[in-house]
PDB file of all heavy atoms in Angstrom:
ATOM      1  N   MET A   1      82.884  85.651  99.784  1.00  0.00           N
ATOM      2  CA  MET A   1      83.759  86.763  99.435  1.00  0.00           C
ATOM      3  C   MET A   1      84.330  86.581  98.024  1.00  0.00           C
ATOM      4  O   MET A   1      84.364  87.529  97.236  1.00  0.00           O
ATOM      5  CB  MET A   1      84.898  86.890 100.447  1.00  0.00           C
ATOM      6  CG  MET A   1      85.792  88.073 100.187  1.00  0.00           C
ATOM      7  SD  MET A   1      87.110  88.226 101.387  1.00  0.00           S
ATOM      8  CE  MET A   1      88.096  86.780 100.987  1.00  0.00           C
ATOM      9  N   PHE A   2      84.751  85.366  97.680  1.00  0.00           N
ATOM     10  CA  PHE A   2      85.290  85.134  96.342  1.00  0.00           C
ATOM     11  C   PHE A   2      84.200  85.241  95.268  1.00  0.00           C
ATOM     12  O   PHE A   2      84.488  85.648  94.147  1.00  0.00           O
ATOM     13  CB  PHE A   2      86.025  83.797  96.268  1.00  0.00           C
ATOM     14  CG  PHE A   2      87.386  83.865  96.906  1.00  0.00           C
ATOM     15  CD1 PHE A   2      87.676  83.119  98.030  1.00  0.00           C
ATOM     16  CD2 PHE A   2      88.369  84.699  96.396  1.00  0.00           C
ATOM     17  CE1 PHE A   2      88.925  83.201  98.632  1.00  0.00           C
ATOM     18  CE2 PHE A   2      89.620  84.793  96.984  1.00  0.00           C
ATOM     19  CZ  PHE A   2      89.899  84.036  98.110  1.00  0.00           C
ATOM     20  N   GLU A   3      82.950  84.914  95.612  1.00  0.00           N
ATOM     21  CA  GLU A   3      81.847  85.141  94.669  1.00  0.00           C
ATOM     22  C   GLU A   3      81.688  86.642  94.415  1.00  0.00           C
ATOM     23  O   GLU A   3      81.502  87.054  93.267  1.00  0.00           O
ATOM     24  CB  GLU A   3      80.539  84.577  95.235  1.00  0.00           C
ATOM     25  CG  GLU A   3      80.464  83.069  95.244  1.00  0.00           C
ATOM     26  CD  GLU A   3      79.254  82.557  96.033  1.00  0.00           C
ATOM     27  OE1 GLU A   3      78.371  83.377  96.412  1.00  0.00           O
ATOM     28  OE2 GLU A   3      79.198  81.340  96.267  1.00  0.00           O
ATOM     29  N   TRP A   4      81.721  87.442  95.462  1.00  0.00           N
ATOM     30  CA  TRP A   4      81.619  88.895  95.304  1.00  0.00           C
ATOM     31  C   TRP A   4      82.758  89.411  94.432  1.00  0.00           C
ATOM     32  O   TRP A   4      82.559  90.260  93.577  1.00  0.00           O
ATOM     33  CB  TRP A   4      81.660  89.598  96.652  1.00  0.00           C
ATOM     34  CG  TRP A   4      80.468  89.380  97.528  1.00  0.00           C
ATOM     35  CD1 TRP A   4      79.222  88.948  97.164  1.00  0.00           C
ATOM     36  CD2 TRP A   4      80.429  89.580  98.931  1.00  0.00           C
ATOM     37  NE1 TRP A   4      78.404  88.870  98.261  1.00  0.00           N
ATOM     38  CE2 TRP A   4      79.115  89.260  99.359  1.00  0.00           C
ATOM     39  CE3 TRP A   4      81.351  89.994  99.877  1.00  0.00           C
ATOM     40  CZ2 TRP A   4      78.723  89.354 100.692  1.00  0.00           C
ATOM     41  CZ3 TRP A   4      80.958  90.085 101.200  1.00  0.00           C
ATOM     42  CH2 TRP A   4      79.661  89.771 101.593  1.00  0.00           C
ATOM     43  N   TYR A   5      83.963  88.881  94.670  1.00  0.00           N
ATOM     44  CA  TYR A   5      85.122  89.307  93.881  1.00  0.00           C
ATOM     45  C   TYR A   5      84.932  88.926  92.408  1.00  0.00           C
ATOM     46  O   TYR A   5      85.176  89.740  91.515  1.00  0.00           O
ATOM     47  CB  TYR A   5      86.398  88.693  94.447  1.00  0.00           C
ATOM     48  CG  TYR A   5      87.631  89.104  93.686  1.00  0.00           C
ATOM     49  CD1 TYR A   5      88.191  90.357  93.874  1.00  0.00           C
ATOM     50  CD2 TYR A   5      88.218  88.244  92.771  1.00  0.00           C
ATOM     51  CE1 TYR A   5      89.319  90.748  93.166  1.00  0.00           C
ATOM     52  CE2 TYR A   5      89.343  88.620  92.058  1.00  0.00           C
ATOM     53  CZ  TYR A   5      89.893  89.873  92.268  1.00  0.00           C
ATOM     54  OH  TYR A   5      90.999  90.257  91.561  1.00  0.00           O
ATOM     55  N   ALA A   6      84.465  87.719  92.162  1.00  0.00           N
ATOM     56  CA  ALA A   6      84.259  87.253  90.782  1.00  0.00           C
ATOM     57  C   ALA A   6      83.229  88.106  90.049  1.00  0.00           C
ATOM     58  O   ALA A   6      83.342  88.310  88.844  1.00  0.00           O
ATOM     59  CB  ALA A   6      83.837  85.781  90.779  1.00  0.00           C
ATOM     60  N   ARG A   7      82.238  88.624  90.786  1.00  0.00           N
ATOM     61  CA  ARG A   7      81.210  89.484  90.180  1.00  0.00           C
ATOM     62  C   ARG A   7      81.595  90.971  90.224  1.00  0.00           C
ATOM     63  O   ARG A   7      80.779  91.825  89.900  1.00  0.00           O
ATOM     64  CB  ARG A   7      79.875  89.293  90.908  1.00  0.00           C
ATOM     65  CG  ARG A   7      79.270  87.911  90.720  1.00  0.00           C
ATOM     66  CD  ARG A   7      77.836  87.841  91.220  1.00  0.00           C
ATOM     67  NE  ARG A   7      77.643  88.299  92.579  1.00  0.00           N
ATOM     68  CZ  ARG A   7      77.423  87.521  93.648  1.00  0.00           C
ATOM     69  NH1 ARG A   7      77.375  86.212  93.488  1.00  0.00           N
ATOM     70  NH2 ARG A   7      77.243  88.034  94.832  1.00  0.00           N
ATOM     71  N   ALA A   8      82.825  91.255  90.631  1.00  0.00           N
ATOM     72  CA  ALA A   8      83.343  92.627  90.747  1.00  0.00           C
ATOM     73  C   ALA A   8      82.541  93.471  91.740  1.00  0.00           C
ATOM     74  O   ALA A   8      82.488  94.681  91.636  1.00  0.00           O
ATOM     75  CB  ALA A   8      83.430  93.310  89.391  1.00  0.00           C
ATOM     76  N   GLU A   9      81.928  92.808  92.719  1.00  0.00           N
ATOM     77  CA  GLU A   9      81.220  93.517  93.783  1.00  0.00           C
ATOM     78  C   GLU A   9      82.172  93.862  94.925  1.00  0.00           C
ATOM     79  O   GLU A   9      81.841  94.658  95.790  1.00  0.00           O
ATOM     80  CB  GLU A   9      80.062  92.673  94.302  1.00  0.00           C
ATOM     81  CG  GLU A   9      78.971  92.466  93.269  1.00  0.00           C
ATOM     82  CD  GLU A   9      77.908  91.489  93.711  1.00  0.00           C
ATOM     83  OE1 GLU A   9      77.997  90.957  94.834  1.00  0.00           O
ATOM     84  OE2 GLU A   9      76.972  91.255  92.929  1.00  0.00           O
ATOM     85  N   LEU A  10      83.316  93.245  94.922  1.00  0.00           N
ATOM     86  CA  LEU A  10      84.362  93.500  95.906  1.00  0.00           C
ATOM     87  C   LEU A  10      85.639  93.738  95.122  1.00  0.00           C
ATOM     88  O   LEU A  10      86.075  92.883  94.361  1.00  0.00           O
ATOM     89  CB  LEU A  10      84.524  92.278  96.830  1.00  0.00           C
ATOM     90  CG  LEU A  10      85.597  92.344  97.898  1.00  0.00           C
ATOM     91  CD1 LEU A  10      85.265  93.442  98.900  1.00  0.00           C
ATOM     92  CD2 LEU A  10      85.708  91.011  98.609  1.00  0.00           C
ATOM     93  N   ARG A  11      86.196  94.928  95.276  1.00  0.00           N
ATOM     94  CA  ARG A  11      87.374  95.301  94.494  1.00  0.00           C
ATOM     95  C   ARG A  11      88.450  95.859  95.415  1.00  0.00           C
ATOM     96  O   ARG A  11      88.497  97.067  95.646  1.00  0.00           O
ATOM     97  CB  ARG A  11      86.974  96.307  93.428  1.00  0.00           C
ATOM     98  CG  ARG A  11      85.958  95.712  92.447  1.00  0.00           C
ATOM     99  CD  ARG A  11      85.428  96.687  91.472  1.00  0.00           C
ATOM    100  NE  ARG A  11      86.521  97.305  90.741  1.00  0.00           N
ATOM    101  CZ  ARG A  11      86.368  98.280  89.877  1.00  0.00           C
ATOM    102  NH1 ARG A  11      85.172  98.752  89.644  1.00  0.00           N
ATOM    103  NH2 ARG A  11      87.391  98.800  89.264  1.00  0.00           N
ATOM    104  N   PRO A  12      89.299  94.992  95.961  1.00  0.00           N
ATOM    105  CA  PRO A  12      90.335  95.480  96.870  1.00  0.00           C
ATOM    106  C   PRO A  12      91.318  96.396  96.140  1.00  0.00           C
ATOM    107  O   PRO A  12      91.633  96.179  94.961  1.00  0.00           O
ATOM    108  CB  PRO A  12      91.024  94.206  97.363  1.00  0.00           C
ATOM    109  CG  PRO A  12      90.666  93.161  96.372  1.00  0.00           C
ATOM    110  CD  PRO A  12      89.367  93.562  95.743  1.00  0.00           C
ATOM    111  N   HIS A  13      91.770  97.415  96.833  1.00  0.00           N
ATOM    112  CA  HIS A  13      92.742  98.341  96.247  1.00  0.00           C
ATOM    113  C   HIS A  13      94.121  97.691  96.271  1.00  0.00           C
ATOM    114  O   HIS A  13      94.575  97.214  97.308  1.00  0.00           O
ATOM    115  CB  HIS A  13      92.774  99.653  97.013  1.00  0.00           C
ATOM    116  CG  HIS A  13      93.810 100.592  96.491  1.00  0.00           C
ATOM    117  ND1 HIS A  13      93.656 101.252  95.292  1.00  0.00           N
ATOM    118  CD2 HIS A  13      95.015 100.947  96.980  1.00  0.00           C
ATOM    119  CE1 HIS A  13      94.737 101.987  95.072  1.00  0.00           C
ATOM    120  NE2 HIS A  13      95.559 101.826  96.075  1.00  0.00           N
ATOM    121  N   VAL A  14      94.779  97.681  95.133  1.00  0.00           N
ATOM    122  CA  VAL A  14      96.131  97.123  95.028  1.00  0.00           C
ATOM    123  C   VAL A  14      97.118  98.275  94.946  1.00  0.00           C
ATOM    124  O   VAL A  14      97.062  99.091  94.026  1.00  0.00           O
ATOM    125  CB  VAL A  14      96.257  96.206  93.786  1.00  0.00           C
ATOM    126  CG1 VAL A  14      97.693  95.716  93.633  1.00  0.00           C
ATOM    127  CG2 VAL A  14      95.290  95.035  93.900  1.00  0.00           C
ATOM    128  N   HIS A  15      97.995  98.349  95.929  1.00  0.00           N
ATOM    129  CA  HIS A  15      99.016  99.392  95.959  1.00  0.00           C
ATOM    130  C   HIS A  15     100.133  99.075  94.972  1.00  0.00           C
ATOM    131  O   HIS A  15     100.589  99.950  94.242  1.00  0.00           O
ATOM    132  CB  HIS A  15      99.592  99.511  97.376  1.00  0.00           C
ATOM    133  CG  HIS A  15     100.700 100.507  97.490  1.00  0.00           C
ATOM    134  ND1 HIS A  15     100.464 101.856  97.643  1.00  0.00           N
ATOM    135  CD2 HIS A  15     102.044 100.366  97.459  1.00  0.00           C
ATOM    136  CE1 HIS A  15     101.624 102.498  97.711  1.00  0.00           C
ATOM    137  NE2 HIS A  15     102.595 101.611  97.595  1.00  0.00           N
ATOM    138  N   ALA A  16     100.593  97.817  94.977  1.00  0.00           N
ATOM    139  CA  ALA A  16     101.725  97.444  94.119  1.00  0.00           C
ATOM    140  C   ALA A  16     101.716  95.945  93.859  1.00  0.00           C
ATOM    141  O   ALA A  16     101.250  95.170  94.688  1.00  0.00           O
ATOM    142  CB  ALA A  16     103.041  97.837  94.784  1.00  0.00           C
ATOM    143  N   VAL A  17     102.237  95.583  92.697  1.00  0.00           N
ATOM    144  CA  VAL A  17     102.436  94.180  92.337  1.00  0.00           C
ATOM    145  C   VAL A  17     103.915  94.014  92.012  1.00  0.00           C
ATOM    146  O   VAL A  17     104.455  94.760  91.196  1.00  0.00           O
ATOM    147  CB  VAL A  17     101.575  93.776  91.116  1.00  0.00           C
ATOM    148  CG1 VAL A  17     101.845  92.329  90.718  1.00  0.00           C
ATOM    149  CG2 VAL A  17     100.096  93.995  91.407  1.00  0.00           C
ATOM    150  N   HIS A  18     104.562  93.056  92.678  1.00  0.00           N
ATOM    151  CA  HIS A  18     105.995  92.813  92.483  1.00  0.00           C
ATOM    152  C   HIS A  18     106.229  91.366  92.099  1.00  0.00           C
ATOM    153  O   HIS A  18     105.565  90.474  92.619  1.00  0.00           O
ATOM    154  CB  HIS A  18     106.764  93.081  93.788  1.00  0.00           C
ATOM    155  CG  HIS A  18     106.812  94.510  94.184  1.00  0.00           C
ATOM    156  ND1 HIS A  18     107.797  95.360  93.770  1.00  0.00           N
ATOM    157  CD2 HIS A  18     105.995  95.243  94.975  1.00  0.00           C
ATOM    158  CE1 HIS A  18     107.594  96.558  94.289  1.00  0.00           C
ATOM    159  NE2 HIS A  18     106.502  96.511  95.019  1.00  0.00           N
ATOM    160  N   PRO A  19     107.205  91.126  91.239  1.00  0.00           N
ATOM    161  CA  PRO A  19     107.606  89.733  91.007  1.00  0.00           C
ATOM    162  C   PRO A  19     108.227  89.171  92.290  1.00  0.00           C
ATOM    163  O   PRO A  19     108.770  89.916  93.103  1.00  0.00           O
ATOM    164  CB  PRO A  19     108.635  89.829  89.882  1.00  0.00           C
ATOM    165  CG  PRO A  19     109.005  91.253  89.765  1.00  0.00           C
ATOM    166  CD  PRO A  19     107.963  92.071  90.450  1.00  0.00           C
ATOM    167  N   LEU A  20     108.123  87.885  92.457  1.00  0.00           N
ATOM    168  CA  LEU A  20     108.647  87.234  93.655  1.00  0.00           C
ATOM    169  C   LEU A  20     110.116  87.574  93.886  1.00  0.00           C
ATOM    170  O   LEU A  20     110.550  87.727  95.028  1.00  0.00           O
ATOM    171  CB  LEU A  20     108.452  85.719  93.552  1.00  0.00           C
ATOM    172  CG  LEU A  20     108.801  84.896  94.784  1.00  0.00           C
ATOM    173  CD1 LEU A  20     108.018  85.377  96.003  1.00  0.00           C
ATOM    174  CD2 LEU A  20     108.534  83.420  94.520  1.00  0.00           C
ATOM    175  N   ALA A  21     110.862  87.761  92.819  1.00  0.00           N
ATOM    176  CA  ALA A  21     112.286  88.103  92.948  1.00  0.00           C
ATOM    177  C   ALA A  21     112.486  89.442  93.665  1.00  0.00           C
ATOM    178  O   ALA A  21     113.555  89.693  94.223  1.00  0.00           O
ATOM    179  CB  ALA A  21     112.940  88.145  91.565  1.00  0.00           C
ATOM    180  N   ASP A  22     111.475  90.311  93.666  1.00  0.00           N
ATOM    181  CA  ASP A  22     111.553  91.614  94.337  1.00  0.00           C
ATOM    182  C   ASP A  22     110.828  91.603  95.683  1.00  0.00           C
ATOM    183  O   ASP A  22     110.357  92.644  96.155  1.00  0.00           O
ATOM    184  CB  ASP A  22     110.945  92.708  93.454  1.00  0.00           C
ATOM    185  CG  ASP A  22     111.766  92.967  92.206  1.00  0.00           C
ATOM    186  OD1 ASP A  22     112.962  92.620  92.190  1.00  0.00           O
ATOM    187  OD2 ASP A  22     111.204  93.522  91.243  1.00  0.00           O
ATOM    188  N   ALA A  23     110.751  90.442  96.316  1.00  0.00           N
ATOM    189  CA  ALA A  23     110.033  90.323  97.580  1.00  0.00           C
ATOM    190  C   ALA A  23     110.592  91.269  98.643  1.00  0.00           C
ATOM    191  O   ALA A  23     109.830  91.825  99.444  1.00  0.00           O
ATOM    192  CB  ALA A  23     110.074  88.880  98.084  1.00  0.00           C
ATOM    193  N   ALA A  24     111.889  91.483  98.661  1.00  0.00           N
ATOM    194  CA  ALA A  24     112.481  92.382  99.660  1.00  0.00           C
ATOM    195  C   ALA A  24     111.957  93.803  99.499  1.00  0.00           C
ATOM    196  O   ALA A  24     111.636  94.478 100.486  1.00  0.00           O
ATOM    197  CB  ALA A  24     114.002  92.350  99.563  1.00  0.00           C
ATOM    198  N   ALA A  25     111.825  94.266  98.265  1.00  0.00           N
ATOM    199  CA  ALA A  25     111.301  95.622  98.022  1.00  0.00           C
ATOM    200  C   ALA A  25     109.837  95.713  98.442  1.00  0.00           C
ATOM    201  O   ALA A  25     109.414  96.712  99.036  1.00  0.00           O
ATOM    202  CB  ALA A  25     111.453  95.987  96.545  1.00  0.00           C
ATOM    203  N   ALA A  26     109.069  94.668  98.156  1.00  0.00           N
ATOM    204  CA  ALA A  26     107.663  94.655  98.555  1.00  0.00           C
ATOM    205  C   ALA A  26     107.532  94.664 100.075  1.00  0.00           C
ATOM    206  O   ALA A  26     106.723  95.405 100.641  1.00  0.00           O
ATOM    207  CB  ALA A  26     106.971  93.426  97.970  1.00  0.00           C
ATOM    208  N   LEU A  27     108.340  93.871 100.741  1.00  0.00           N
ATOM    209  CA  LEU A  27     108.300  93.825 102.208  1.00  0.00           C
ATOM    210  C   LEU A  27     108.695  95.164 102.819  1.00  0.00           C
ATOM    211  O   LEU A  27     108.110  95.608 103.814  1.00  0.00           O
ATOM    212  CB  LEU A  27     109.216  92.719 102.732  1.00  0.00           C
ATOM    213  CG  LEU A  27     109.224  92.515 104.238  1.00  0.00           C
ATOM    214  CD1 LEU A  27     107.826  92.199 104.745  1.00  0.00           C
ATOM    215  CD2 LEU A  27     110.197  91.411 104.615  1.00  0.00           C
ATOM    216  N   GLU A  28     109.633  95.845 102.206  1.00  0.00           N
ATOM    217  CA  GLU A  28     110.045  97.155 102.704  1.00  0.00           C
ATOM    218  C   GLU A  28     108.882  98.152 102.657  1.00  0.00           C
ATOM    219  O   GLU A  28     108.679  98.928 103.594  1.00  0.00           O
ATOM    220  CB  GLU A  28     111.225  97.690 101.895  1.00  0.00           C
ATOM    221  CG  GLU A  28     111.774  98.988 102.445  1.00  0.00           C
ATOM    222  CD  GLU A  28     113.028  99.437 101.715  1.00  0.00           C
ATOM    223  OE1 GLU A  28     113.625  98.646 100.958  1.00  0.00           O
ATOM    224  OE2 GLU A  28     113.406 100.602 101.905  1.00  0.00           O
ATOM    225  N   ILE A  29     108.091  98.114 101.589  1.00  0.00           N
ATOM    226  CA  ILE A  29     106.915  98.990 101.487  1.00  0.00           C
ATOM    227  C   ILE A  29     105.973  98.733 102.662  1.00  0.00           C
ATOM    228  O   ILE A  29     105.489  99.661 103.310  1.00  0.00           O
ATOM    229  CB  ILE A  29     106.176  98.772 100.152  1.00  0.00           C
ATOM    230  CG1 ILE A  29     107.020  99.256  98.991  1.00  0.00           C
ATOM    231  CG2 ILE A  29     104.817  99.467 100.159  1.00  0.00           C
ATOM    232  CD1 ILE A  29     106.484  98.841  97.630  1.00  0.00           C
ATOM    233  N   VAL A  30     105.730  97.462 102.933  1.00  0.00           N
ATOM    234  CA  VAL A  30     104.816  97.097 104.018  1.00  0.00           C
ATOM    235  C   VAL A  30     105.401  97.482 105.376  1.00  0.00           C
ATOM    236  O   VAL A  30     104.719  98.099 106.203  1.00  0.00           O
ATOM    237  CB  VAL A  30     104.497  95.587 103.968  1.00  0.00           C
ATOM    238  CG1 VAL A  30     103.684  95.161 105.180  1.00  0.00           C
ATOM    239  CG2 VAL A  30     103.757  95.247 102.677  1.00  0.00           C
ATOM    240  N   MET A  31     106.642  97.161 105.609  1.00  0.00           N
ATOM    241  CA  MET A  31     107.261  97.401 106.919  1.00  0.00           C
ATOM    242  C   MET A  31     107.394  98.890 107.223  1.00  0.00           C
ATOM    243  O   MET A  31     107.343  99.296 108.381  1.00  0.00           O
ATOM    244  CB  MET A  31     108.623  96.711 107.016  1.00  0.00           C
ATOM    245  CG  MET A  31     108.532  95.196 106.935  1.00  0.00           C
ATOM    246  SD  MET A  31     107.450  94.464 108.184  1.00  0.00           S
ATOM    247  CE  MET A  31     108.366  94.827 109.670  1.00  0.00           C
ATOM    248  N   GLU A  32     107.542  99.707 106.191  1.00  0.00           N
ATOM    249  CA  GLU A  32     107.657 101.148 106.407  1.00  0.00           C
ATOM    250  C   GLU A  32     106.303 101.843 106.337  1.00  0.00           C
ATOM    251  O   GLU A  32     106.227 103.065 106.263  1.00  0.00           O
ATOM    252  CB  GLU A  32     108.642 101.749 105.402  1.00  0.00           C
ATOM    253  CG  GLU A  32     110.059 101.274 105.662  1.00  0.00           C
ATOM    254  CD  GLU A  32     111.090 101.977 104.811  1.00  0.00           C
ATOM    255  OE1 GLU A  32     110.720 102.927 104.076  1.00  0.00           O
ATOM    256  OE2 GLU A  32     112.258 101.578 104.876  1.00  0.00           O
ATOM    257  N   ARG A  33     105.239 101.047 106.346  1.00  0.00           N
ATOM    258  CA  ARG A  33     103.864 101.561 106.342  1.00  0.00           C
ATOM    259  C   ARG A  33     103.580 102.459 105.137  1.00  0.00           C
ATOM    260  O   ARG A  33     102.866 103.447 105.236  1.00  0.00           O
ATOM    261  CB  ARG A  33     103.550 102.271 107.648  1.00  0.00           C
ATOM    262  CG  ARG A  33     103.700 101.394 108.859  1.00  0.00           C
ATOM    263  CD  ARG A  33     103.264 102.128 110.111  1.00  0.00           C
ATOM    264  NE  ARG A  33     103.509 101.340 111.299  1.00  0.00           N
ATOM    265  CZ  ARG A  33     102.722 100.404 111.780  1.00  0.00           C
ATOM    266  NH1 ARG A  33     101.617 100.096 111.157  1.00  0.00           N
ATOM    267  NH2 ARG A  33     103.027  99.761 112.889  1.00  0.00           N
ATOM    268  N   GLY A  34     104.146 102.070 104.001  1.00  0.00           N
ATOM    269  CA  GLY A  34     103.956 102.857 102.788  1.00  0.00           C
ATOM    270  C   GLY A  34     102.837 102.343 101.902  1.00  0.00           C
ATOM    271  O   GLY A  34     102.464 102.975 100.924  1.00  0.00           O
ATOM    272  N   ALA A  35     102.286 101.177 102.236  1.00  0.00           N
ATOM    273  CA  ALA A  35     101.257 100.573 101.393  1.00  0.00           C
ATOM    274  C   ALA A  35      99.902 101.222 101.644  1.00  0.00           C
ATOM    275  O   ALA A  35      99.468 101.355 102.779  1.00  0.00           O
ATOM    276  CB  ALA A  35     101.175  99.073 101.665  1.00  0.00           C
ATOM    277  N   LEU A  36      99.254 101.620 100.570  1.00  0.00           N
ATOM    278  CA  LEU A  36      97.890 102.138 100.639  1.00  0.00           C
ATOM    279  C   LEU A  36      96.979 101.148  99.924  1.00  0.00           C
ATOM    280  O   LEU A  36      96.317 101.472  98.955  1.00  0.00           O
ATOM    281  CB  LEU A  36      97.808 103.526  99.988  1.00  0.00           C
ATOM    282  CG  LEU A  36      98.704 104.590 100.595  1.00  0.00           C
ATOM    283  CD1 LEU A  36      98.648 105.869  99.787  1.00  0.00           C
ATOM    284  CD2 LEU A  36      98.310 104.847 102.042  1.00  0.00           C
ATOM    285  N   GLY A  37      96.988  99.945 100.392  1.00  0.00           N
ATOM    286  CA  GLY A  37      96.246  98.854  99.778  1.00  0.00           C
ATOM    287  C   GLY A  37      97.110  97.602  99.831  1.00  0.00           C
ATOM    288  O   GLY A  37      98.092  97.533 100.568  1.00  0.00           O
ATOM    289  N   LYS A  38      96.759  96.625  99.045  1.00  0.00           N
ATOM    290  CA  LYS A  38      97.459  95.345  99.044  1.00  0.00           C
ATOM    291  C   LYS A  38      98.779  95.444  98.281  1.00  0.00           C
ATOM    292  O   LYS A  38      98.863  96.100  97.248  1.00  0.00           O
ATOM    293  CB  LYS A  38      96.597  94.252  98.403  1.00  0.00           C
ATOM    294  CG  LYS A  38      95.279  94.033  99.105  1.00  0.00           C
ATOM    295  CD  LYS A  38      95.490  93.545 100.512  1.00  0.00           C
ATOM    296  CE  LYS A  38      94.179  93.297 101.214  1.00  0.00           C
ATOM    297  NZ  LYS A  38      94.369  92.992 102.618  1.00  0.00           N
ATOM    298  N   VAL A  39      99.786  94.766  98.801  1.00  0.00           N
ATOM    299  CA  VAL A  39     101.059  94.595  98.098  1.00  0.00           C
ATOM    300  C   VAL A  39     101.119  93.115  97.746  1.00  0.00           C
ATOM    301  O   VAL A  39     101.080  92.256  98.626  1.00  0.00           O
ATOM    302  CB  VAL A  39     102.263  95.012  98.976  1.00  0.00           C
ATOM    303  CG1 VAL A  39     103.567  94.722  98.252  1.00  0.00           C
ATOM    304  CG2 VAL A  39     102.158  96.487  99.342  1.00  0.00           C
ATOM    305  N   ILE A  40     101.198  92.838  96.455  1.00  0.00           N
ATOM    306  CA  ILE A  40     101.058  91.474  95.957  1.00  0.00           C
ATOM    307  C   ILE A  40     102.367  90.991  95.348  1.00  0.00           C
ATOM    308  O   ILE A  40     103.017  91.733  94.606  1.00  0.00           O
ATOM    309  CB  ILE A  40      99.934  91.411  94.902  1.00  0.00           C
ATOM    310  CG1 ILE A  40      98.608  91.831  95.551  1.00  0.00           C
ATOM    311  CG2 ILE A  40      99.832  90.025  94.284  1.00  0.00           C
ATOM    312  CD1 ILE A  40      97.485  91.995  94.572  1.00  0.00           C
ATOM    313  N   LEU A  41     102.716  89.746  95.650  1.00  0.00           N
ATOM    314  CA  LEU A  41     103.854  89.080  95.015  1.00  0.00           C
ATOM    315  C   LEU A  41     103.323  88.086  94.002  1.00  0.00           C
ATOM    316  O   LEU A  41     102.389  87.339  94.295  1.00  0.00           O
ATOM    317  CB  LEU A  41     104.694  88.338  96.059  1.00  0.00           C
ATOM    318  CG  LEU A  41     105.426  89.187  97.079  1.00  0.00           C
ATOM    319  CD1 LEU A  41     106.098  88.309  98.114  1.00  0.00           C
ATOM    320  CD2 LEU A  41     106.430  90.102  96.410  1.00  0.00           C
TER     321      LEU A  41
END
């Protein structure tokens, strides 16, 4: 899977990227089912 990712054959959709300090806001997106893809810290 990581080989596919490195070759851009696998491109997961990223909904949001948050700094670790905003972990509560990121968790709220996930808990309220607002994420349309990965939420990354």
